[in-house]
Amino acid sequence: MKNNSLSIEQAKDLCDRSQYLIGEILTQNSESYIIKCVAVAPYDKINMLLFLELYKEMQDVAQSISFYKGTKFDVAIILQQISKDGGEQFKVMDLETYFEKSQCRQELAIQSPATTYHASL
């Protein structure tokens, strides 16, 4: 988890540069999620979760963050669970946490009993 929040300008720039992640799949604890959105979000976890709840209702990033009047921002990854029953389950995490989790997954995927190769992002 990162220790420093971003300014609104920094968060927008990082968000714009991370749009390529939309559509990627993340598997955690045998559950698969697709990245639905990469968005500027409040930095603190409580407001980030409120942002997610509003996003689930409205499906609009601008409206979902309009409640937030703070000055500390982050870039959020909004994940939607891939479900066979058609239900919509969403999850949110900051960009840095996403990269930590996806890097671990990539390293596990390329390990073999004889040799271990480490890929860097």
C-alpha atoms as a PDB file:
ATOM      1  CA  MET A   1       0.000   0.000   0.000  1.00  0.00           C
ATOM      2  CA  LYS A   2       1.407   3.360  -0.890  1.00  0.00           C
ATOM      3  CA  ASN A   3       1.942   6.029   1.701  1.00  0.00           C
ATOM      4  CA  ASN A   4       1.410   9.191  -0.331  1.00  0.00           C
ATOM      5  CA  SER A   5      -1.761  10.547  -1.814  1.00  0.00           C
ATOM      6  CA  LEU A   6      -1.842  12.234  -5.209  1.00  0.00           C
ATOM      7  CA  SER A   7      -2.969  15.702  -6.219  1.00  0.00           C
ATOM      8  CA  ILE A   8      -5.935  15.829  -8.569  1.00  0.00           C
ATOM      9  CA  GLU A   9      -3.585  16.607 -11.484  1.00  0.00           C
ATOM     10  CA  GLN A  10      -1.273  13.687 -10.679  1.00  0.00           C
ATOM     11  CA  ALA A  11      -4.225  11.316 -10.267  1.00  0.00           C
ATOM     12  CA  LYS A  12      -5.779  12.383 -13.587  1.00  0.00           C
ATOM     13  CA  ASP A  13      -2.461  11.921 -15.401  1.00  0.00           C
ATOM     14  CA  LEU A  14      -1.868   8.470 -13.906  1.00  0.00           C
ATOM     15  CA  CYS A  15      -5.467   7.507 -14.578  1.00  0.00           C
ATOM     16  CA  ASP A  16      -5.185   8.544 -18.236  1.00  0.00           C
ATOM     17  CA  ARG A  17      -1.986   6.507 -18.615  1.00  0.00           C
ATOM     18  CA  SER A  18      -3.612   3.426 -17.033  1.00  0.00           C
ATOM     19  CA  GLN A  19      -6.706   3.132 -19.224  1.00  0.00           C
ATOM     20  CA  TYR A  20      -5.089   0.229 -21.102  1.00  0.00           C
ATOM     21  CA  LEU A  21      -5.932  -1.980 -18.076  1.00  0.00           C
ATOM     22  CA  ILE A  22      -9.669  -1.942 -18.820  1.00  0.00           C
ATOM     23  CA  GLY A  23     -10.744  -5.438 -19.814  1.00  0.00           C
ATOM     24  CA  GLU A  24      -7.857  -7.205 -18.036  1.00  0.00           C
ATOM     25  CA  ILE A  25      -8.713 -10.185 -15.808  1.00  0.00           C
ATOM     26  CA  LEU A  26      -7.556 -10.566 -12.204  1.00  0.00           C
ATOM     27  CA  THR A  27      -8.038 -13.868 -10.364  1.00  0.00           C
ATOM     28  CA  GLN A  28      -8.046 -13.866  -6.569  1.00  0.00           C
ATOM     29  CA  ASN A  29      -8.974 -16.780  -4.322  1.00  0.00           C
ATOM     30  CA  SER A  30     -10.422 -18.695  -7.294  1.00  0.00           C
ATOM     31  CA  GLU A  31     -12.669 -15.742  -8.189  1.00  0.00           C
ATOM     32  CA  SER A  32     -12.166 -13.930 -11.494  1.00  0.00           C
ATOM     33  CA  TYR A  33     -12.723 -10.210 -11.940  1.00  0.00           C
ATOM     34  CA  ILE A  34     -12.631  -8.031 -15.036  1.00  0.00           C
ATOM     35  CA  ILE A  35     -11.428  -4.450 -14.837  1.00  0.00           C
ATOM     36  CA  LYS A  36     -14.464  -2.333 -15.693  1.00  0.00           C
ATOM     37  CA  CYS A  37     -13.032   1.082 -14.953  1.00  0.00           C
ATOM     38  CA  VAL A  38      -9.854   2.937 -14.015  1.00  0.00           C
ATOM     39  CA  ALA A  39     -10.800   6.186 -12.304  1.00  0.00           C
ATOM     40  CA  VAL A  40      -9.627   9.019 -10.091  1.00  0.00           C
ATOM     41  CA  ALA A  41     -10.967   8.289  -6.601  1.00  0.00           C
ATOM     42  CA  PRO A  42     -10.624   9.558  -3.041  1.00  0.00           C
ATOM     43  CA  TYR A  43      -7.411   8.436  -1.351  1.00  0.00           C
ATOM     44  CA  ASP A  44      -8.803   7.196   1.950  1.00  0.00           C
ATOM     45  CA  LYS A  45     -10.483   3.787   2.064  1.00  0.00           C
ATOM     46  CA  ILE A  46     -13.825   4.913   3.505  1.00  0.00           C
ATOM     47  CA  ASN A  47     -14.401   7.504   0.782  1.00  0.00           C
ATOM     48  CA  MET A  48     -13.068   5.084  -1.856  1.00  0.00           C
ATOM     49  CA  LEU A  49     -15.701   2.534  -0.762  1.00  0.00           C
ATOM     50  CA  LEU A  50     -18.399   5.216  -0.859  1.00  0.00           C
ATOM     51  CA  PHE A  51     -17.184   6.099  -4.366  1.00  0.00           C
ATOM     52  CA  LEU A  52     -17.585   2.416  -5.333  1.00  0.00           C
ATOM     53  CA  GLU A  53     -21.120   2.257  -3.920  1.00  0.00           C
ATOM     54  CA  LEU A  54     -22.102   5.336  -5.911  1.00  0.00           C
ATOM     55  CA  TYR A  55     -20.443   3.912  -9.027  1.00  0.00           C
ATOM     56  CA  LYS A  56     -22.446   0.680  -8.657  1.00  0.00           C
ATOM     57  CA  GLU A  57     -25.672   2.700  -8.541  1.00  0.00           C
ATOM     58  CA  MET A  58     -24.943   5.264 -11.249  1.00  0.00           C
ATOM     59  CA  GLN A  59     -22.281   3.641 -13.482  1.00  0.00           C
ATOM     60  CA  ASP A  60     -20.844   7.143 -13.950  1.00  0.00           C
ATOM     61  CA  VAL A  61     -17.401   8.086 -12.616  1.00  0.00           C
ATOM     62  CA  ALA A  62     -17.958  11.868 -12.589  1.00  0.00           C
ATOM     63  CA  GLN A  63     -21.187  11.586 -10.599  1.00  0.00           C
ATOM     64  CA  SER A  64     -19.659   8.965  -8.292  1.00  0.00           C
ATOM     65  CA  ILE A  65     -16.837  11.242  -7.130  1.00  0.00           C
ATOM     66  CA  SER A  66     -18.842  14.470  -7.041  1.00  0.00           C
ATOM     67  CA  PHE A  67     -19.539  14.055  -3.287  1.00  0.00           C
ATOM     68  CA  TYR A  68     -15.815  14.174  -2.417  1.00  0.00           C
ATOM     69  CA  LYS A  69     -14.510  17.599  -1.386  1.00  0.00           C
ATOM     70  CA  GLY A  70     -11.077  16.482  -0.161  1.00  0.00           C
ATOM     71  CA  THR A  71      -7.677  17.156  -1.717  1.00  0.00           C
ATOM     72  CA  LYS A  72      -6.109  13.683  -1.466  1.00  0.00           C
ATOM     73  CA  PHE A  73      -6.652  11.412  -4.455  1.00  0.00           C
ATOM     74  CA  ASP A  74      -5.684   8.016  -5.795  1.00  0.00           C
ATOM     75  CA  VAL A  75      -6.340   5.961  -8.911  1.00  0.00           C
ATOM     76  CA  ALA A  76      -8.880   3.196  -8.368  1.00  0.00           C
ATOM     77  CA  ILE A  77      -9.381  -0.017 -10.271  1.00  0.00           C
ATOM     78  CA  ILE A  78     -13.042  -1.060 -10.298  1.00  0.00           C
ATOM     79  CA  LEU A  79     -13.383  -4.793 -10.744  1.00  0.00           C
ATOM     80  CA  GLN A  80     -16.542  -6.690 -11.618  1.00  0.00           C
ATOM     81  CA  GLN A  81     -16.766 -10.343 -10.647  1.00  0.00           C
ATOM     82  CA  ILE A  82     -17.189 -12.693 -13.568  1.00  0.00           C
ATOM     83  CA  SER A  83     -20.218 -14.657 -12.502  1.00  0.00           C
ATOM     84  CA  LYS A  84     -22.070 -17.465 -14.237  1.00  0.00           C
ATOM     85  CA  ASP A  85     -25.355 -16.528 -12.567  1.00  0.00           C
ATOM     86  CA  GLY A  86     -25.373 -13.020 -14.055  1.00  0.00           C
ATOM     87  CA  GLY A  87     -25.152 -11.212 -10.711  1.00  0.00           C
ATOM     88  CA  GLU A  88     -23.045  -8.064 -10.488  1.00  0.00           C
ATOM     89  CA  GLN A  89     -20.463  -7.945  -7.725  1.00  0.00           C
ATOM     90  CA  PHE A  90     -17.972  -5.098  -7.672  1.00  0.00           C
ATOM     91  CA  LYS A  91     -14.688  -4.598  -5.872  1.00  0.00           C
ATOM     92  CA  VAL A  92     -12.319  -1.626  -5.734  1.00  0.00           C
ATOM     93  CA  MET A  93      -8.585  -1.398  -5.143  1.00  0.00           C
ATOM     94  CA  ASP A  94      -5.954   1.229  -5.644  1.00  0.00           C
ATOM     95  CA  LEU A  95      -3.694   0.974  -8.684  1.00  0.00           C
ATOM     96  CA  GLU A  96      -0.580   0.097  -6.693  1.00  0.00           C
ATOM     97  CA  THR A  97      -2.324  -2.821  -4.964  1.00  0.00           C
ATOM     98  CA  TYR A  98      -3.557  -4.067  -8.337  1.00  0.00           C
ATOM     99  CA  PHE A  99      -0.007  -4.097  -9.719  1.00  0.00           C
ATOM    100  CA  GLU A 100       1.260  -5.906  -6.614  1.00  0.00           C
ATOM    101  CA  LYS A 101      -1.400  -8.595  -6.985  1.00  0.00           C
ATOM    102  CA  SER A 102      -1.010  -8.983 -10.733  1.00  0.00           C
ATOM    103  CA  GLN A 103       2.806  -9.172 -10.451  1.00  0.00           C
ATOM    104  CA  CYS A 104       2.489 -11.972  -7.893  1.00  0.00           C
ATOM    105  CA  ARG A 105       0.129 -13.789 -10.233  1.00  0.00           C
ATOM    106  CA  GLN A 106       2.535 -13.413 -13.167  1.00  0.00           C
ATOM    107  CA  GLU A 107       5.466 -14.695 -11.121  1.00  0.00           C
ATOM    108  CA  LEU A 108       3.478 -17.730  -9.989  1.00  0.00           C
ATOM    109  CA  ALA A 109       2.380 -18.439 -13.535  1.00  0.00           C
ATOM    110  CA  ILE A 110       5.923 -18.704 -14.872  1.00  0.00           C
ATOM    111  CA  GLN A 111       7.532 -20.745 -12.103  1.00  0.00           C
ATOM    112  CA  SER A 112       8.565 -24.308 -12.860  1.00  0.00           C
ATOM    113  CA  PRO A 113       9.951 -26.932 -10.492  1.00  0.00           C
ATOM    114  CA  ALA A 114      13.403 -26.814 -12.105  1.00  0.00           C
ATOM    115  CA  THR A 115      13.796 -23.104 -12.766  1.00  0.00           C
ATOM    116  CA  THR A 116      12.166 -19.932 -11.552  1.00  0.00           C
ATOM    117  CA  TYR A 117      12.011 -16.906 -13.841  1.00  0.00           C
ATOM    118  CA  HIS A 118      11.000 -13.509 -12.538  1.00  0.00           C
ATOM    119  CA  ALA A 119       9.383 -10.989 -14.844  1.00  0.00           C
ATOM    120  CA  SER A 120       9.441  -7.313 -14.107  1.00  0.00           C
ATOM    121  CA  LEU A 121       6.716  -4.903 -15.101  1.00  0.00           C
END
